[in-house]
């Protein structure tokens, strides 16, 4: 296999072939490149406040909206999830019948075409939701890294926050952890700085003058509060 990179001294360090739940094959290449493109310096810094109503609110009063990709395809995904559950139940009954009658080669779930089709359709919509979310986060993080030399974000404890079952799905859709990881490696790539701060009262204390409006928000999330 040949790779034609932007620079002639690029080297392929490893190649991994992956099979997705939807039956697609992907080739993942790890490439060593000495010449990494750098964004120009802007001498600008920004603080990011992560939320649910808006994915990000910046200290420059810019808001990046939340897009509920899970809700956009929820109807179609739920349609196939119900059929998957029914077809799994029917298949399990057939398998139990084979075992009860001591069939030499009892059937398995993979032998039932209707079940396999429903399983692939559920995986298809789950994959599409994940891909749409990643695409949105990639575009957003590239814009932030390109526009600012220093980015300050909150060190949110997502595992504590999703204990609130009323907000768990909405919080999971935000993918704050993925957003932070993207910012970390892109800041490293493009020579920018990423700082992580304690999230306590970051929404009440003014970053410029230090004024505290006195609000205290308490969430019923175990010991987590801010």
C-alpha atoms as a PDB file:
ATOM      1  CA  UNK A   1       0.000   0.000   0.000  1.00  0.00           C
ATOM      2  CA  UNK A   2       1.304   3.441  -0.945  1.00  0.00           C
ATOM      3  CA  UNK A   3       0.571   6.699   0.839  1.00  0.00           C
ATOM      4  CA  UNK A   4       0.950  10.024  -0.939  1.00  0.00           C
ATOM      5  CA  UNK A   5       1.161  12.617   1.813  1.00  0.00           C
ATOM      6  CA  UNK A   6       1.629  16.356   1.577  1.00  0.00           C
ATOM      7  CA  UNK A   7       5.294  15.948   2.418  1.00  0.00           C
ATOM      8  CA  UNK A   8       7.626  13.335   0.971  1.00  0.00           C
ATOM      9  CA  UNK A   9       9.161  12.465   4.354  1.00  0.00           C
ATOM     10  CA  UNK A  10       5.866  11.258   5.889  1.00  0.00           C
ATOM     11  CA  UNK A  11       6.145   7.733   7.318  1.00  0.00           C
ATOM     12  CA  UNK A  12       3.399   5.236   8.090  1.00  0.00           C
ATOM     13  CA  UNK A  13       4.050   3.937  11.620  1.00  0.00           C
ATOM     14  CA  UNK A  14       1.111   1.531  11.845  1.00  0.00           C
ATOM     15  CA  UNK A  15      -1.994   0.405   9.978  1.00  0.00           C
ATOM     16  CA  UNK A  16      -5.153  -0.918  11.640  1.00  0.00           C
ATOM     17  CA  UNK A  17      -8.183  -2.408   9.904  1.00  0.00           C
ATOM     18  CA  UNK A  18     -11.441  -1.969  11.844  1.00  0.00           C
ATOM     19  CA  UNK A  19     -14.885  -3.466  11.242  1.00  0.00           C
ATOM     20  CA  UNK A  20     -17.766  -1.287  12.443  1.00  0.00           C
ATOM     21  CA  UNK A  21     -21.080  -2.711  13.799  1.00  0.00           C
ATOM     22  CA  UNK A  22     -22.693  -1.626  10.510  1.00  0.00           C
ATOM     23  CA  UNK A  23     -20.389  -3.918   8.508  1.00  0.00           C
ATOM     24  CA  UNK A  24     -18.081  -1.181   7.182  1.00  0.00           C
ATOM     25  CA  UNK A  25     -14.320  -1.601   7.057  1.00  0.00           C
ATOM     26  CA  UNK A  26     -12.056   1.301   8.005  1.00  0.00           C
ATOM     27  CA  UNK A  27      -8.308   1.642   7.586  1.00  0.00           C
ATOM     28  CA  UNK A  28      -6.686   3.695  10.358  1.00  0.00           C
ATOM     29  CA  UNK A  29      -3.198   5.020   9.606  1.00  0.00           C
ATOM     30  CA  UNK A  30      -0.736   6.389  12.149  1.00  0.00           C
ATOM     31  CA  UNK A  31       1.558   8.712  10.186  1.00  0.00           C
ATOM     32  CA  UNK A  32       4.683  10.459  11.404  1.00  0.00           C
ATOM     33  CA  UNK A  33       4.908  13.942   9.914  1.00  0.00           C
ATOM     34  CA  UNK A  34       7.658  16.422  10.734  1.00  0.00           C
ATOM     35  CA  UNK A  35       5.930  19.412   9.115  1.00  0.00           C
ATOM     36  CA  UNK A  36       2.746  20.277  10.998  1.00  0.00           C
ATOM     37  CA  UNK A  37       0.728  23.197   9.668  1.00  0.00           C
ATOM     38  CA  UNK A  38       0.535  26.060  12.191  1.00  0.00           C
ATOM     39  CA  UNK A  39      -2.209  28.649  12.578  1.00  0.00           C
ATOM     40  CA  UNK A  40      -1.154  32.278  12.801  1.00  0.00           C
ATOM     41  CA  UNK A  41      -0.912  33.929  16.235  1.00  0.00           C
ATOM     42  CA  UNK A  42      -3.890  36.085  17.192  1.00  0.00           C
ATOM     43  CA  UNK A  43      -2.811  37.246  20.703  1.00  0.00           C
ATOM     44  CA  UNK A  44      -6.373  36.483  21.830  1.00  0.00           C
ATOM     45  CA  UNK A  45      -7.546  34.480  24.844  1.00  0.00           C
ATOM     46  CA  UNK A  46     -11.006  33.108  25.591  1.00  0.00           C
ATOM     47  CA  UNK A  47     -12.854  31.335  28.389  1.00  0.00           C
ATOM     48  CA  UNK A  48     -15.410  28.647  27.585  1.00  0.00           C
ATOM     49  CA  UNK A  49     -18.460  27.932  29.715  1.00  0.00           C
ATOM     50  CA  UNK A  50     -19.998  24.564  28.811  1.00  0.00           C
ATOM     51  CA  UNK A  51     -23.728  24.134  29.206  1.00  0.00           C
ATOM     52  CA  UNK A  52     -26.817  22.276  28.047  1.00  0.00           C
ATOM     53  CA  UNK A  53     -29.019  24.979  26.502  1.00  0.00           C
ATOM     54  CA  UNK A  54     -25.922  26.221  24.634  1.00  0.00           C
ATOM     55  CA  UNK A  55     -22.995  23.884  24.101  1.00  0.00           C
ATOM     56  CA  UNK A  56     -20.481  26.702  24.644  1.00  0.00           C
ATOM     57  CA  UNK A  57     -20.746  30.295  25.831  1.00  0.00           C
ATOM     58  CA  UNK A  58     -17.502  32.221  25.410  1.00  0.00           C
ATOM     59  CA  UNK A  59     -16.172  35.135  27.447  1.00  0.00           C
ATOM     60  CA  UNK A  60     -16.596  37.176  24.253  1.00  0.00           C
ATOM     61  CA  UNK A  61     -20.380  36.715  24.553  1.00  0.00           C
ATOM     62  CA  UNK A  62     -20.460  34.279  21.624  1.00  0.00           C
ATOM     63  CA  UNK A  63     -22.745  31.267  21.943  1.00  0.00           C
ATOM     64  CA  UNK A  64     -22.431  27.996  20.044  1.00  0.00           C
ATOM     65  CA  UNK A  65     -25.793  26.214  20.069  1.00  0.00           C
ATOM     66  CA  UNK A  66     -26.539  22.698  21.193  1.00  0.00           C
ATOM     67  CA  UNK A  67     -27.673  20.401  18.394  1.00  0.00           C
ATOM     68  CA  UNK A  68     -29.603  17.352  19.597  1.00  0.00           C
ATOM     69  CA  UNK A  69     -28.476  14.893  16.945  1.00  0.00           C
ATOM     70  CA  UNK A  70     -29.988  12.071  19.006  1.00  0.00           C
ATOM     71  CA  UNK A  71     -33.434  13.648  18.725  1.00  0.00           C
ATOM     72  CA  UNK A  72     -33.189  14.330  14.988  1.00  0.00           C
ATOM     73  CA  UNK A  73     -33.005  10.608  14.221  1.00  0.00           C
ATOM     74  CA  UNK A  74     -34.806   9.412  17.356  1.00  0.00           C
ATOM     75  CA  UNK A  75     -38.004   8.339  15.563  1.00  0.00           C
ATOM     76  CA  UNK A  76     -36.241   6.159  12.992  1.00  0.00           C
ATOM     77  CA  UNK A  77     -33.875   4.677  15.553  1.00  0.00           C
ATOM     78  CA  UNK A  78     -36.714   3.878  17.956  1.00  0.00           C
ATOM     79  CA  UNK A  79     -38.626   2.193  15.092  1.00  0.00           C
ATOM     80  CA  UNK A  80     -35.811  -0.304  14.570  1.00  0.00           C
ATOM     81  CA  UNK A  81     -35.054  -0.705  18.291  1.00  0.00           C
ATOM     82  CA  UNK A  82     -38.587  -1.973  18.866  1.00  0.00           C
ATOM     83  CA  UNK A  83     -38.274  -4.420  15.989  1.00  0.00           C
ATOM     84  CA  UNK A  84     -34.878  -5.556  17.216  1.00  0.00           C
ATOM     85  CA  UNK A  85     -36.306  -6.322  20.654  1.00  0.00           C
ATOM     86  CA  UNK A  86     -39.195  -8.359  19.177  1.00  0.00           C
ATOM     87  CA  UNK A  87     -37.000 -10.231  16.724  1.00  0.00           C
ATOM     88  CA  UNK A  88     -34.447 -11.033  19.432  1.00  0.00           C
ATOM     89  CA  UNK A  89     -37.198 -12.489  21.604  1.00  0.00           C
ATOM     90  CA  UNK A  90     -38.526 -14.648  18.742  1.00  0.00           C
ATOM     91  CA  UNK A  91     -35.021 -15.808  17.858  1.00  0.00           C
ATOM     92  CA  UNK A  92     -34.289 -16.749  21.467  1.00  0.00           C
ATOM     93  CA  UNK A  93     -37.441 -18.874  21.557  1.00  0.00           C
ATOM     94  CA  UNK A  94     -36.319 -20.694  18.412  1.00  0.00           C
ATOM     95  CA  UNK A  95     -32.860 -21.268  19.907  1.00  0.00           C
ATOM     96  CA  UNK A  96     -34.413 -22.611  23.123  1.00  0.00           C
ATOM     97  CA  UNK A  97     -36.552 -24.981  21.020  1.00  0.00           C
ATOM     98  CA  UNK A  98     -33.429 -26.288  19.259  1.00  0.00           C
ATOM     99  CA  UNK A  99     -31.670 -26.913  22.555  1.00  0.00           C
ATOM    100  CA  UNK A 100     -34.724 -28.565  24.070  1.00  0.00           C
ATOM    101  CA  UNK A 101     -34.930 -30.965  21.137  1.00  0.00           C
ATOM    102  CA  UNK A 102     -31.154 -31.534  21.205  1.00  0.00           C
ATOM    103  CA  UNK A 103     -30.558 -30.375  17.651  1.00  0.00           C
ATOM    104  CA  UNK A 104     -27.061 -31.352  16.484  1.00  0.00           C
ATOM    105  CA  UNK A 105     -26.252 -27.812  15.348  1.00  0.00           C
ATOM    106  CA  UNK A 106     -28.562 -25.425  17.236  1.00  0.00           C
ATOM    107  CA  UNK A 107     -29.127 -22.042  15.658  1.00  0.00           C
ATOM    108  CA  UNK A 108     -27.567 -18.864  17.020  1.00  0.00           C
ATOM    109  CA  UNK A 109     -28.744 -15.249  16.897  1.00  0.00           C
ATOM    110  CA  UNK A 110     -26.501 -14.599  13.893  1.00  0.00           C
ATOM    111  CA  UNK A 111     -28.462 -17.216  11.907  1.00  0.00           C
ATOM    112  CA  UNK A 112     -31.677 -15.156  11.971  1.00  0.00           C
ATOM    113  CA  UNK A 113     -31.661 -12.709   9.041  1.00  0.00           C
ATOM    114  CA  UNK A 114     -34.481 -10.514  10.359  1.00  0.00           C
ATOM    115  CA  UNK A 115     -32.720 -10.097  13.688  1.00  0.00           C
ATOM    116  CA  UNK A 116     -29.391  -9.341  11.981  1.00  0.00           C
ATOM    117  CA  UNK A 117     -31.011  -6.737   9.722  1.00  0.00           C
ATOM    118  CA  UNK A 118     -32.684  -4.954  12.654  1.00  0.00           C
ATOM    119  CA  UNK A 119     -29.415  -4.994  14.618  1.00  0.00           C
ATOM    120  CA  UNK A 120     -27.533  -3.423  11.711  1.00  0.00           C
ATOM    121  CA  UNK A 121     -30.197  -0.738  11.254  1.00  0.00           C
ATOM    122  CA  UNK A 122     -29.976   0.268  14.932  1.00  0.00           C
ATOM    123  CA  UNK A 123     -26.174   0.369  14.621  1.00  0.00           C
ATOM    124  CA  UNK A 124     -26.509   2.432  11.429  1.00  0.00           C
ATOM    125  CA  UNK A 125     -28.506   5.190  13.119  1.00  0.00           C
ATOM    126  CA  UNK A 126     -26.297   5.120  16.225  1.00  0.00           C
ATOM    127  CA  UNK A 127     -23.238   5.495  14.004  1.00  0.00           C
ATOM    128  CA  UNK A 128     -24.841   8.333  12.045  1.00  0.00           C
ATOM    129  CA  UNK A 129     -25.661  10.226  15.251  1.00  0.00           C
ATOM    130  CA  UNK A 130     -22.096   9.763  16.512  1.00  0.00           C
ATOM    131  CA  UNK A 131     -20.599  10.882  13.183  1.00  0.00           C
ATOM    132  CA  UNK A 132     -22.776  14.012  13.041  1.00  0.00           C
ATOM    133  CA  UNK A 133     -21.797  14.920  16.602  1.00  0.00           C
ATOM    134  CA  UNK A 134     -18.077  14.390  15.897  1.00  0.00           C
ATOM    135  CA  UNK A 135     -18.251  16.453  12.717  1.00  0.00           C
ATOM    136  CA  UNK A 136     -19.861  19.352  14.602  1.00  0.00           C
ATOM    137  CA  UNK A 137     -17.273  19.196  17.389  1.00  0.00           C
ATOM    138  CA  UNK A 138     -14.366  18.992  14.930  1.00  0.00           C
ATOM    139  CA  UNK A 139     -15.503  22.104  13.067  1.00  0.00           C
ATOM    140  CA  UNK A 140     -16.133  23.957  16.315  1.00  0.00           C
ATOM    141  CA  UNK A 141     -12.787  23.095  17.939  1.00  0.00           C
ATOM    142  CA  UNK A 142     -10.809  23.963  14.790  1.00  0.00           C
ATOM    143  CA  UNK A 143     -12.478  27.389  14.717  1.00  0.00           C
ATOM    144  CA  UNK A 144     -11.652  28.008  18.397  1.00  0.00           C
ATOM    145  CA  UNK A 145      -8.024  26.926  18.035  1.00  0.00           C
ATOM    146  CA  UNK A 146      -7.672  29.044  14.909  1.00  0.00           C
ATOM    147  CA  UNK A 147      -9.173  32.186  16.487  1.00  0.00           C
ATOM    148  CA  UNK A 148      -7.476  32.096  19.920  1.00  0.00           C
ATOM    149  CA  UNK A 149      -3.953  31.566  21.230  1.00  0.00           C
ATOM    150  CA  UNK A 150      -5.132  30.601  24.725  1.00  0.00           C
ATOM    151  CA  UNK A 151      -8.309  28.710  25.600  1.00  0.00           C
ATOM    152  CA  UNK A 152      -9.556  28.215  29.163  1.00  0.00           C
ATOM    153  CA  UNK A 153     -12.187  25.540  29.870  1.00  0.00           C
ATOM    154  CA  UNK A 154     -13.910  24.048  32.894  1.00  0.00           C
ATOM    155  CA  UNK A 155     -12.767  20.711  34.285  1.00  0.00           C
ATOM    156  CA  UNK A 156     -16.282  19.267  34.485  1.00  0.00           C
ATOM    157  CA  UNK A 157     -16.873  15.911  36.205  1.00  0.00           C
ATOM    158  CA  UNK A 158     -19.295  14.340  33.753  1.00  0.00           C
ATOM    159  CA  UNK A 159     -19.545  11.049  35.659  1.00  0.00           C
ATOM    160  CA  UNK A 160     -21.005  12.894  38.642  1.00  0.00           C
ATOM    161  CA  UNK A 161     -23.351  15.023  36.590  1.00  0.00           C
ATOM    162  CA  UNK A 162     -25.020  12.155  34.678  1.00  0.00           C
ATOM    163  CA  UNK A 163     -26.270  10.752  37.978  1.00  0.00           C
ATOM    164  CA  UNK A 164     -29.134  13.189  37.497  1.00  0.00           C
ATOM    165  CA  UNK A 165     -31.347  10.947  35.342  1.00  0.00           C
ATOM    166  CA  UNK A 166     -33.452  13.877  34.125  1.00  0.00           C
ATOM    167  CA  UNK A 167     -30.395  15.456  32.498  1.00  0.00           C
ATOM    168  CA  UNK A 168     -28.299  12.352  31.742  1.00  0.00           C
ATOM    169  CA  UNK A 169     -29.316  12.050  28.069  1.00  0.00           C
ATOM    170  CA  UNK A 170     -28.876  15.783  27.416  1.00  0.00           C
ATOM    171  CA  UNK A 171     -25.462  15.813  29.133  1.00  0.00           C
ATOM    172  CA  UNK A 172     -24.313  12.732  27.217  1.00  0.00           C
ATOM    173  CA  UNK A 173     -25.318  14.433  23.953  1.00  0.00           C
ATOM    174  CA  UNK A 174     -23.023  17.387  24.751  1.00  0.00           C
ATOM    175  CA  UNK A 175     -19.914  15.161  24.669  1.00  0.00           C
ATOM    176  CA  UNK A 176     -17.934  17.570  26.849  1.00  0.00           C
ATOM    177  CA  UNK A 177     -15.172  15.000  27.330  1.00  0.00           C
ATOM    178  CA  UNK A 178     -14.754  14.558  23.568  1.00  0.00           C
ATOM    179  CA  UNK A 179     -14.736  18.336  23.126  1.00  0.00           C
ATOM    180  CA  UNK A 180     -11.956  18.693  25.701  1.00  0.00           C
ATOM    181  CA  UNK A 181      -9.856  15.912  24.127  1.00  0.00           C
ATOM    182  CA  UNK A 182     -10.168  17.522  20.697  1.00  0.00           C
ATOM    183  CA  UNK A 183      -9.065  20.875  22.093  1.00  0.00           C
ATOM    184  CA  UNK A 184      -6.132  19.240  23.876  1.00  0.00           C
ATOM    185  CA  UNK A 185      -4.568  17.587  20.864  1.00  0.00           C
ATOM    186  CA  UNK A 186      -5.413  20.395  18.434  1.00  0.00           C
ATOM    187  CA  UNK A 187      -3.859  23.008  20.719  1.00  0.00           C
ATOM    188  CA  UNK A 188      -0.787  20.785  20.861  1.00  0.00           C
ATOM    189  CA  UNK A 189      -0.753  20.430  17.066  1.00  0.00           C
ATOM    190  CA  UNK A 190      -1.145  24.091  16.264  1.00  0.00           C
ATOM    191  CA  UNK A 191       0.995  25.608  19.007  1.00  0.00           C
ATOM    192  CA  UNK A 192      -1.834  27.001  21.151  1.00  0.00           C
ATOM    193  CA  UNK A 193      -2.394  26.845  24.944  1.00  0.00           C
ATOM    194  CA  UNK A 194      -5.248  25.052  26.712  1.00  0.00           C
ATOM    195  CA  UNK A 195      -5.877  25.624  30.437  1.00  0.00           C
ATOM    196  CA  UNK A 196      -8.332  23.644  32.577  1.00  0.00           C
ATOM    197  CA  UNK A 197      -9.793  25.370  35.660  1.00  0.00           C
ATOM    198  CA  UNK A 198     -12.023  24.399  38.565  1.00  0.00           C
ATOM    199  CA  UNK A 199     -15.666  24.779  37.449  1.00  0.00           C
ATOM    200  CA  UNK A 200     -16.774  26.147  40.845  1.00  0.00           C
ATOM    201  CA  UNK A 201     -18.778  29.384  40.321  1.00  0.00           C
ATOM    202  CA  UNK A 202     -17.285  29.979  36.874  1.00  0.00           C
ATOM    203  CA  UNK A 203     -20.737  31.120  35.772  1.00  0.00           C
ATOM    204  CA  UNK A 204     -21.131  33.637  38.638  1.00  0.00           C
ATOM    205  CA  UNK A 205     -17.717  35.316  38.942  1.00  0.00           C
ATOM    206  CA  UNK A 206     -16.786  37.915  36.283  1.00  0.00           C
ATOM    207  CA  UNK A 207     -13.546  36.878  34.555  1.00  0.00           C
ATOM    208  CA  UNK A 208     -12.587  40.530  34.051  1.00  0.00           C
ATOM    209  CA  UNK A 209     -13.208  42.318  37.376  1.00  0.00           C
ATOM    210  CA  UNK A 210     -13.807  39.352  39.697  1.00  0.00           C
ATOM    211  CA  UNK A 211     -17.307  40.470  40.742  1.00  0.00           C
ATOM    212  CA  UNK A 212     -19.395  37.675  42.261  1.00  0.00           C
ATOM    213  CA  UNK A 213     -23.152  38.069  41.765  1.00  0.00           C
ATOM    214  CA  UNK A 214     -23.781  35.904  44.837  1.00  0.00           C
ATOM    215  CA  UNK A 215     -25.704  33.139  43.101  1.00  0.00           C
ATOM    216  CA  UNK A 216     -25.098  29.621  44.252  1.00  0.00           C
ATOM    217  CA  UNK A 217     -26.345  26.764  42.161  1.00  0.00           C
ATOM    218  CA  UNK A 218     -26.848  23.410  43.814  1.00  0.00           C
ATOM    219  CA  UNK A 219     -27.476  20.269  41.754  1.00  0.00           C
ATOM    220  CA  UNK A 220     -28.667  17.042  43.254  1.00  0.00           C
ATOM    221  CA  UNK A 221     -25.753  15.105  41.833  1.00  0.00           C
ATOM    222  CA  UNK A 222     -24.382  13.313  44.852  1.00  0.00           C
ATOM    223  CA  UNK A 223     -21.536  15.342  46.375  1.00  0.00           C
ATOM    224  CA  UNK A 224     -21.064  17.424  43.243  1.00  0.00           C
ATOM    225  CA  UNK A 225     -22.191  21.016  43.521  1.00  0.00           C
ATOM    226  CA  UNK A 226     -21.103  24.359  42.190  1.00  0.00           C
END
